[in-house]
Amino acid sequence: MATQQKERDGAAAVADSARETASRAGDLMKDTAATVAQKTRAAVKDAAATVADKTSEAASFLGHKCDDASAAVGKEMESLGNTIRSKGPQEGVLGNAGAAVASSLESCGKELEGGMSGMAEDLTNTIRRHPVPAILVGVGVGFMLAYCLTKSQR
């Protein structure tokens, strides 16, 4: 009987040891999972911040390139207006028409030299000063687009 008791005590000790080891393993797994989750969240946040920064840089670069291109086109338009004014007829109907075209080219060229942001501000201010006509123009453009799209689908 004493041997049976020793065997039971030994089996109970092994069972307790197994429970304790399993408990420690479970705690270790929880800690590891929490650490992995925390590091994953940090890595995702860092990646998102990097993507946002790169996107912002790309948009800024494209904005500068657009402004540079519009400024170059504006200078050329202004130069063409000056050329028409200086080399075209000065009097008569052709002179008046040439002067009007030259003035239009010069003023449009100056607008383009100001960059796209300047034009966007001008458009915004015009819409604020004249909201009803702006809405009517928008509705008209919408109807024209809808008509063109339905006509092209036939």
N, C-alpha and C. Protein backbone atom coordinates (compact mmCIF):
# COMPACT_ATOMS: atom_id res chain seq x y z
N MET A 1 0.79 -1.17 0.00
CA MET A 1 0.00 0.00 0.00
C MET A 1 0.85 1.26 0.00
N ALA A 2 1.94 1.20 0.65
CA ALA A 2 2.80 2.37 0.70
C ALA A 2 3.33 2.70 -0.68
N THR A 3 3.60 1.67 -1.48
CA THR A 3 4.08 1.90 -2.84
C THR A 3 2.98 2.54 -3.69
N GLN A 4 1.79 2.10 -3.47
CA GLN A 4 0.70 2.69 -4.24
C GLN A 4 0.54 4.17 -3.87
N GLN A 5 0.71 4.45 -2.59
CA GLN A 5 0.60 5.83 -2.12
C GLN A 5 1.71 6.67 -2.74
N LYS A 6 2.92 6.12 -2.79
CA LYS A 6 4.05 6.84 -3.37
C LYS A 6 3.81 7.08 -4.87
N GLU A 7 3.22 6.07 -5.52
CA GLU A 7 2.95 6.22 -6.95
C GLU A 7 1.90 7.31 -7.17
N ARG A 8 0.88 7.33 -6.32
CA ARG A 8 -0.16 8.37 -6.43
C ARG A 8 0.42 9.75 -6.17
N ASP A 9 1.26 9.83 -5.16
CA ASP A 9 1.90 11.12 -4.85
C ASP A 9 2.79 11.57 -6.00
N GLY A 10 3.51 10.61 -6.59
CA GLY A 10 4.39 10.93 -7.73
C GLY A 10 3.57 11.37 -8.93
N ALA A 11 2.45 10.67 -9.17
CA ALA A 11 1.58 11.03 -10.30
C ALA A 11 0.97 12.40 -10.07
N ALA A 12 0.58 12.69 -8.83
CA ALA A 12 0.00 14.01 -8.51
C ALA A 12 1.04 15.10 -8.70
N ALA A 13 2.29 14.81 -8.31
CA ALA A 13 3.37 15.79 -8.48
C ALA A 13 3.63 16.04 -9.95
N VAL A 14 3.61 14.97 -10.75
CA VAL A 14 3.82 15.13 -12.21
C VAL A 14 2.66 15.93 -12.80
N ALA A 15 1.44 15.64 -12.37
CA ALA A 15 0.27 16.37 -12.87
C ALA A 15 0.36 17.85 -12.49
N ASP A 16 0.74 18.13 -11.24
CA ASP A 16 0.90 19.52 -10.82
C ASP A 16 1.98 20.22 -11.64
N SER A 17 3.07 19.53 -11.85
CA SER A 17 4.17 20.09 -12.64
C SER A 17 3.72 20.35 -14.07
N ALA A 18 2.94 19.43 -14.64
CA ALA A 18 2.43 19.61 -16.00
C ALA A 18 1.48 20.80 -16.07
N ARG A 19 0.61 20.93 -15.05
CA ARG A 19 -0.31 22.07 -15.01
C ARG A 19 0.45 23.39 -14.92
N GLU A 20 1.45 23.41 -14.06
CA GLU A 20 2.25 24.62 -13.89
C GLU A 20 3.00 24.96 -15.18
N THR A 21 3.56 23.95 -15.85
CA THR A 21 4.26 24.18 -17.11
C THR A 21 3.29 24.67 -18.18
N ALA A 22 2.11 24.10 -18.24
CA ALA A 22 1.10 24.53 -19.21
C ALA A 22 0.66 25.96 -18.94
N SER A 23 0.51 26.27 -17.65
CA SER A 23 0.12 27.63 -17.28
C SER A 23 1.19 28.64 -17.69
N ARG A 24 2.46 28.30 -17.43
CA ARG A 24 3.57 29.18 -17.83
C ARG A 24 3.62 29.34 -19.35
N ALA A 25 3.41 28.22 -20.05
CA ALA A 25 3.42 28.27 -21.52
C ALA A 25 2.29 29.16 -22.04
N GLY A 26 1.12 29.04 -21.41
CA GLY A 26 -0.01 29.89 -21.80
C GLY A 26 0.29 31.37 -21.57
N ASP A 27 0.87 31.68 -20.40
CA ASP A 27 1.24 33.07 -20.10
C ASP A 27 2.28 33.59 -21.10
N LEU A 28 3.25 32.73 -21.40
CA LEU A 28 4.29 33.11 -22.35
C LEU A 28 3.69 33.37 -23.74
N MET A 29 2.73 32.54 -24.14
CA MET A 29 2.07 32.72 -25.43
C MET A 29 1.27 34.03 -25.45
N LYS A 30 0.57 34.34 -24.37
CA LYS A 30 -0.19 35.59 -24.28
C LYS A 30 0.75 36.78 -24.39
N ASP A 31 1.85 36.73 -23.64
CA ASP A 31 2.83 37.83 -23.68
C ASP A 31 3.41 37.99 -25.09
N THR A 32 3.75 36.86 -25.72
CA THR A 32 4.32 36.89 -27.06
C THR A 32 3.31 37.45 -28.06
N ALA A 33 2.06 37.02 -27.96
CA ALA A 33 1.01 37.52 -28.86
C ALA A 33 0.80 39.02 -28.67
N ALA A 34 0.81 39.49 -27.43
CA ALA A 34 0.64 40.92 -27.16
C ALA A 34 1.81 41.72 -27.73
N THR A 35 3.02 41.19 -27.59
CA THR A 35 4.21 41.87 -28.12
C THR A 35 4.15 41.93 -29.64
N VAL A 36 3.79 40.80 -30.26
CA VAL A 36 3.69 40.77 -31.72
C VAL A 36 2.61 41.74 -32.21
N ALA A 37 1.48 41.76 -31.54
CA ALA A 37 0.39 42.67 -31.93
C ALA A 37 0.84 44.13 -31.79
N GLN A 38 1.53 44.44 -30.71
CA GLN A 38 2.01 45.80 -30.48
C GLN A 38 3.01 46.21 -31.56
N LYS A 39 3.96 45.31 -31.87
CA LYS A 39 4.96 45.61 -32.90
C LYS A 39 4.31 45.72 -34.27
N THR A 40 3.31 44.90 -34.54
CA THR A 40 2.60 44.96 -35.82
C THR A 40 1.87 46.29 -35.97
N ARG A 41 1.18 46.71 -34.90
CA ARG A 41 0.49 48.00 -34.94
C ARG A 41 1.48 49.14 -35.18
N ALA A 42 2.61 49.09 -34.50
CA ALA A 42 3.63 50.14 -34.68
C ALA A 42 4.17 50.13 -36.10
N ALA A 43 4.39 48.93 -36.65
CA ALA A 43 4.91 48.84 -38.02
C ALA A 43 3.89 49.35 -39.02
N VAL A 44 2.62 49.03 -38.81
CA VAL A 44 1.56 49.51 -39.71
C VAL A 44 1.45 51.04 -39.63
N LYS A 45 1.52 51.58 -38.42
CA LYS A 45 1.46 53.04 -38.26
C LYS A 45 2.63 53.71 -38.96
N ASP A 46 3.82 53.14 -38.79
CA ASP A 46 5.01 53.70 -39.45
C ASP A 46 4.88 53.63 -40.97
N ALA A 47 4.38 52.50 -41.47
CA ALA A 47 4.21 52.35 -42.92
C ALA A 47 3.18 53.35 -43.44
N ALA A 48 2.09 53.52 -42.71
CA ALA A 48 1.06 54.48 -43.14
C ALA A 48 1.61 55.90 -43.13
N ALA A 49 2.39 56.23 -42.13
CA ALA A 49 2.98 57.58 -42.07
C ALA A 49 3.96 57.78 -43.22
N THR A 50 4.73 56.75 -43.54
CA THR A 50 5.67 56.84 -44.65
C THR A 50 4.93 57.02 -45.97
N VAL A 51 3.88 56.25 -46.17
CA VAL A 51 3.08 56.38 -47.40
C VAL A 51 2.47 57.78 -47.49
N ALA A 52 1.95 58.28 -46.38
CA ALA A 52 1.36 59.62 -46.39
C ALA A 52 2.41 60.67 -46.73
N ASP A 53 3.60 60.54 -46.16
CA ASP A 53 4.68 61.50 -46.44
C ASP A 53 5.08 61.45 -47.91
N LYS A 54 5.24 60.24 -48.45
CA LYS A 54 5.65 60.10 -49.85
C LYS A 54 4.57 60.62 -50.79
N THR A 55 3.31 60.39 -50.46
CA THR A 55 2.20 60.90 -51.27
C THR A 55 2.18 62.41 -51.25
N SER A 56 2.40 62.99 -50.09
CA SER A 56 2.44 64.44 -49.97
C SER A 56 3.60 65.02 -50.79
N GLU A 57 4.75 64.36 -50.72
CA GLU A 57 5.91 64.83 -51.49
C GLU A 57 5.63 64.75 -52.99
N ALA A 58 5.00 63.66 -53.43
CA ALA A 58 4.69 63.50 -54.85
C ALA A 58 3.69 64.55 -55.31
N ALA A 59 2.68 64.82 -54.50
CA ALA A 59 1.69 65.84 -54.86
C ALA A 59 2.34 67.22 -54.93
N SER A 60 3.22 67.50 -53.99
CA SER A 60 3.92 68.78 -54.01
C SER A 60 4.80 68.91 -55.24
N PHE A 61 5.50 67.83 -55.58
CA PHE A 61 6.37 67.83 -56.76
C PHE A 61 5.55 68.07 -58.02
N LEU A 62 4.42 67.36 -58.14
CA LEU A 62 3.56 67.54 -59.31
C LEU A 62 2.97 68.95 -59.36
N GLY A 63 2.61 69.48 -58.21
CA GLY A 63 2.10 70.85 -58.17
C GLY A 63 3.12 71.85 -58.66
N HIS A 64 4.37 71.67 -58.23
CA HIS A 64 5.44 72.57 -58.69
C HIS A 64 5.67 72.42 -60.19
N LYS A 65 5.63 71.19 -60.69
CA LYS A 65 5.83 70.97 -62.12
C LYS A 65 4.69 71.60 -62.93
N CYS A 66 3.47 71.49 -62.44
CA CYS A 66 2.33 72.13 -63.13
C CYS A 66 2.49 73.63 -63.14
N ASP A 67 2.88 74.18 -62.01
CA ASP A 67 3.08 75.64 -61.95
C ASP A 67 4.20 76.07 -62.90
N ASP A 68 5.28 75.29 -62.94
CA ASP A 68 6.39 75.61 -63.86
C ASP A 68 5.93 75.55 -65.31
N ALA A 69 5.17 74.50 -65.64
CA ALA A 69 4.71 74.35 -67.02
C ALA A 69 3.73 75.47 -67.39
N SER A 70 2.83 75.80 -66.50
CA SER A 70 1.86 76.86 -66.81
C SER A 70 2.57 78.21 -66.92
N ALA A 71 3.60 78.42 -66.11
CA ALA A 71 4.36 79.68 -66.21
C ALA A 71 5.08 79.76 -67.55
N ALA A 72 5.63 78.64 -68.00
CA ALA A 72 6.33 78.63 -69.30
C ALA A 72 5.35 78.89 -70.43
N VAL A 73 4.20 78.26 -70.39
CA VAL A 73 3.18 78.49 -71.43
C VAL A 73 2.70 79.94 -71.37
N GLY A 74 2.54 80.46 -70.16
CA GLY A 74 2.12 81.86 -70.01
C GLY A 74 3.11 82.83 -70.62
N LYS A 75 4.39 82.59 -70.38
CA LYS A 75 5.42 83.45 -70.97
C LYS A 75 5.38 83.41 -72.49
N GLU A 76 5.20 82.20 -73.04
CA GLU A 76 5.13 82.06 -74.49
C GLU A 76 3.90 82.77 -75.07
N MET A 77 2.77 82.66 -74.37
CA MET A 77 1.56 83.34 -74.84
C MET A 77 1.76 84.85 -74.81
N GLU A 78 2.35 85.32 -73.73
CA GLU A 78 2.60 86.76 -73.61
C GLU A 78 3.55 87.22 -74.71
N SER A 79 4.57 86.43 -74.98
CA SER A 79 5.52 86.76 -76.03
C SER A 79 4.84 86.78 -77.40
N LEU A 80 3.95 85.81 -77.64
CA LEU A 80 3.21 85.78 -78.90
C LEU A 80 2.32 87.02 -79.04
N GLY A 81 1.69 87.41 -77.95
CA GLY A 81 0.87 88.63 -77.98
C GLY A 81 1.71 89.85 -78.32
N ASN A 82 2.89 89.95 -77.72
CA ASN A 82 3.78 91.07 -78.03
C ASN A 82 4.21 91.05 -79.50
N THR A 83 4.48 89.85 -80.02
CA THR A 83 4.89 89.72 -81.42
C THR A 83 3.77 90.14 -82.35
N ILE A 84 2.55 89.69 -82.07
CA ILE A 84 1.40 90.08 -82.90
C ILE A 84 1.22 91.59 -82.85
N ARG A 85 1.35 92.16 -81.67
CA ARG A 85 1.16 93.61 -81.52
C ARG A 85 2.23 94.38 -82.30
N SER A 86 3.49 93.91 -82.24
CA SER A 86 4.56 94.68 -82.88
C SER A 86 4.67 94.44 -84.39
N LYS A 87 4.34 93.23 -84.86
CA LYS A 87 4.54 92.92 -86.27
C LYS A 87 3.26 92.94 -87.08
N GLY A 88 2.12 93.00 -86.41
CA GLY A 88 0.85 93.02 -87.14
C GLY A 88 0.49 94.42 -87.60
N PRO A 89 -0.59 94.52 -88.39
CA PRO A 89 -1.05 95.82 -88.85
C PRO A 89 -1.45 96.70 -87.65
N GLN A 90 -1.20 97.98 -87.77
CA GLN A 90 -1.47 98.90 -86.66
C GLN A 90 -2.80 99.62 -86.82
N GLU A 91 -3.32 99.66 -88.04
CA GLU A 91 -4.55 100.43 -88.29
C GLU A 91 -5.58 99.57 -89.00
N GLY A 92 -6.81 100.07 -89.00
CA GLY A 92 -7.88 99.40 -89.72
C GLY A 92 -8.46 98.24 -88.94
N VAL A 93 -9.29 97.48 -89.64
CA VAL A 93 -9.98 96.36 -89.01
C VAL A 93 -8.97 95.29 -88.56
N LEU A 94 -8.02 94.98 -89.42
CA LEU A 94 -7.00 94.00 -89.04
C LEU A 94 -6.15 94.49 -87.87
N GLY A 95 -5.86 95.76 -87.83
CA GLY A 95 -5.10 96.33 -86.71
C GLY A 95 -5.86 96.20 -85.40
N ASN A 96 -7.19 96.52 -85.45
CA ASN A 96 -8.02 96.40 -84.24
C ASN A 96 -8.13 94.94 -83.79
N ALA A 97 -8.34 94.03 -84.77
CA ALA A 97 -8.45 92.61 -84.43
C ALA A 97 -7.13 92.10 -83.86
N GLY A 98 -6.01 92.49 -84.49
CA GLY A 98 -4.70 92.06 -84.00
C GLY A 98 -4.43 92.56 -82.60
N ALA A 99 -4.80 93.82 -82.34
CA ALA A 99 -4.59 94.38 -81.00
C ALA A 99 -5.45 93.65 -79.96
N ALA A 100 -6.68 93.29 -80.35
CA ALA A 100 -7.55 92.57 -79.41
C ALA A 100 -6.98 91.18 -79.11
N VAL A 101 -6.52 90.49 -80.16
CA VAL A 101 -5.94 89.16 -79.96
C VAL A 101 -4.68 89.27 -79.11
N ALA A 102 -3.84 90.27 -79.40
CA ALA A 102 -2.61 90.45 -78.65
C ALA A 102 -2.91 90.73 -77.17
N SER A 103 -3.89 91.58 -76.92
CA SER A 103 -4.27 91.89 -75.52
C SER A 103 -4.76 90.64 -74.80
N SER A 104 -5.58 89.84 -75.50
CA SER A 104 -6.10 88.61 -74.89
C SER A 104 -4.97 87.64 -74.58
N LEU A 105 -4.06 87.46 -75.53
CA LEU A 105 -2.94 86.56 -75.30
C LEU A 105 -2.06 87.04 -74.15
N GLU A 106 -1.82 88.34 -74.10
CA GLU A 106 -0.98 88.88 -73.03
C GLU A 106 -1.63 88.70 -71.66
N SER A 107 -2.93 88.99 -71.57
CA SER A 107 -3.60 88.87 -70.27
C SER A 107 -3.71 87.40 -69.84
N CYS A 108 -4.01 86.51 -70.78
CA CYS A 108 -4.06 85.07 -70.45
C CYS A 108 -2.67 84.57 -70.06
N GLY A 109 -1.66 85.06 -70.76
CA GLY A 109 -0.29 84.67 -70.44
C GLY A 109 0.09 85.09 -69.04
N LYS A 110 -0.30 86.31 -68.66
CA LYS A 110 0.00 86.78 -67.29
C LYS A 110 -0.71 85.93 -66.25
N GLU A 111 -1.97 85.54 -66.56
CA GLU A 111 -2.71 84.68 -65.64
C GLU A 111 -2.00 83.34 -65.46
N LEU A 112 -1.56 82.76 -66.58
CA LEU A 112 -0.88 81.46 -66.50
C LEU A 112 0.45 81.58 -65.77
N GLU A 113 1.13 82.68 -65.94
CA GLU A 113 2.40 82.85 -65.24
C GLU A 113 2.20 82.86 -63.73
N GLY A 114 1.03 83.30 -63.29
CA GLY A 114 0.72 83.30 -61.86
C GLY A 114 0.59 81.91 -61.28
N GLY A 115 0.45 80.91 -62.13
CA GLY A 115 0.35 79.53 -61.67
C GLY A 115 -1.08 79.08 -61.52
N MET A 116 -1.23 77.78 -61.37
CA MET A 116 -2.56 77.19 -61.26
C MET A 116 -3.25 77.59 -59.96
N SER A 117 -2.50 77.78 -58.91
CA SER A 117 -3.11 78.14 -57.62
C SER A 117 -3.78 79.51 -57.73
N GLY A 118 -3.17 80.42 -58.49
CA GLY A 118 -3.77 81.74 -58.69
C GLY A 118 -5.08 81.63 -59.43
N MET A 119 -5.13 80.77 -60.45
CA MET A 119 -6.38 80.60 -61.20
C MET A 119 -7.45 79.96 -60.33
N ALA A 120 -7.07 79.01 -59.49
CA ALA A 120 -8.04 78.37 -58.60
C ALA A 120 -8.61 79.39 -57.62
N GLU A 121 -7.77 80.27 -57.11
CA GLU A 121 -8.25 81.33 -56.21
C GLU A 121 -9.19 82.28 -56.94
N ASP A 122 -8.84 82.64 -58.18
CA ASP A 122 -9.71 83.53 -58.97
C ASP A 122 -11.07 82.88 -59.20
N LEU A 123 -11.07 81.61 -59.55
CA LEU A 123 -12.32 80.89 -59.79
C LEU A 123 -13.15 80.82 -58.52
N THR A 124 -12.50 80.52 -57.40
CA THR A 124 -13.21 80.46 -56.12
C THR A 124 -13.82 81.81 -55.77
N ASN A 125 -13.07 82.88 -55.95
CA ASN A 125 -13.59 84.21 -55.65
C ASN A 125 -14.75 84.59 -56.57
N THR A 126 -14.65 84.22 -57.84
CA THR A 126 -15.73 84.51 -58.79
C THR A 126 -17.00 83.76 -58.39
N ILE A 127 -16.86 82.51 -58.00
CA ILE A 127 -18.02 81.72 -57.58
C ILE A 127 -18.63 82.32 -56.32
N ARG A 128 -17.79 82.80 -55.39
CA ARG A 128 -18.32 83.42 -54.17
C ARG A 128 -19.06 84.72 -54.47
N ARG A 129 -18.54 85.49 -55.43
CA ARG A 129 -19.20 86.76 -55.77
C ARG A 129 -20.49 86.55 -56.56
N HIS A 130 -20.55 85.47 -57.34
CA HIS A 130 -21.71 85.22 -58.21
C HIS A 130 -22.17 83.78 -58.06
N PRO A 131 -22.77 83.43 -56.92
CA PRO A 131 -23.11 82.02 -56.69
C PRO A 131 -24.22 81.48 -57.60
N VAL A 132 -25.25 82.28 -57.86
CA VAL A 132 -26.38 81.79 -58.67
C VAL A 132 -25.93 81.52 -60.10
N PRO A 133 -25.25 82.47 -60.76
CA PRO A 133 -24.77 82.15 -62.12
C PRO A 133 -23.82 80.95 -62.13
N ALA A 134 -23.00 80.80 -61.08
CA ALA A 134 -22.08 79.67 -61.02
C ALA A 134 -22.85 78.35 -60.96
N ILE A 135 -23.91 78.32 -60.17
CA ILE A 135 -24.74 77.11 -60.09
C ILE A 135 -25.40 76.83 -61.43
N LEU A 136 -25.93 77.88 -62.07
CA LEU A 136 -26.57 77.70 -63.37
C LEU A 136 -25.58 77.19 -64.41
N VAL A 137 -24.36 77.72 -64.40
CA VAL A 137 -23.34 77.23 -65.32
C VAL A 137 -23.03 75.76 -65.03
N GLY A 138 -22.92 75.41 -63.77
CA GLY A 138 -22.65 74.02 -63.40
C GLY A 138 -23.77 73.08 -63.86
N VAL A 139 -25.02 73.51 -63.68
CA VAL A 139 -26.15 72.69 -64.13
C VAL A 139 -26.13 72.57 -65.65
N GLY A 140 -25.85 73.67 -66.34
CA GLY A 140 -25.78 73.64 -67.81
C GLY A 140 -24.69 72.71 -68.30
N VAL A 141 -23.53 72.78 -67.69
CA VAL A 141 -22.43 71.89 -68.08
C VAL A 141 -22.81 70.44 -67.80
N GLY A 142 -23.48 70.21 -66.68
CA GLY A 142 -23.93 68.85 -66.36
C GLY A 142 -24.90 68.31 -67.40
N PHE A 143 -25.86 69.14 -67.82
CA PHE A 143 -26.80 68.71 -68.86
C PHE A 143 -26.09 68.44 -70.17
N MET A 144 -25.13 69.30 -70.53
CA MET A 144 -24.39 69.09 -71.78
C MET A 144 -23.60 67.78 -71.73
N LEU A 145 -22.94 67.53 -70.62
CA LEU A 145 -22.19 66.28 -70.49
C LEU A 145 -23.12 65.07 -70.56
N ALA A 146 -24.25 65.14 -69.88
CA ALA A 146 -25.20 64.03 -69.90
C ALA A 146 -25.71 63.80 -71.32
N TYR A 147 -26.02 64.87 -72.03
CA TYR A 147 -26.50 64.76 -73.42
C TYR A 147 -25.43 64.14 -74.31
N CYS A 148 -24.19 64.62 -74.17
CA CYS A 148 -23.10 64.08 -75.00
C CYS A 148 -22.85 62.62 -74.69
N LEU A 149 -22.90 62.26 -73.42
CA LEU A 149 -22.65 60.87 -73.05
C LEU A 149 -23.76 59.94 -73.55
N THR A 150 -25.01 60.38 -73.43
CA THR A 150 -26.11 59.53 -73.91
C THR A 150 -26.11 59.46 -75.43
N LYS A 151 -25.74 60.53 -76.09
CA LYS A 151 -25.69 60.52 -77.55
C LYS A 151 -24.57 59.62 -78.05
N SER A 152 -23.42 59.60 -77.35
CA SER A 152 -22.30 58.77 -77.78
C SER A 152 -22.55 57.29 -77.52
N GLN A 153 -23.45 56.97 -76.61
CA GLN A 153 -23.74 55.56 -76.30
C GLN A 153 -24.74 54.94 -77.28
N ARG A 154 -25.37 55.74 -78.09
CA ARG A 154 -26.35 55.21 -79.05
C ARG A 154 -25.70 54.60 -80.23
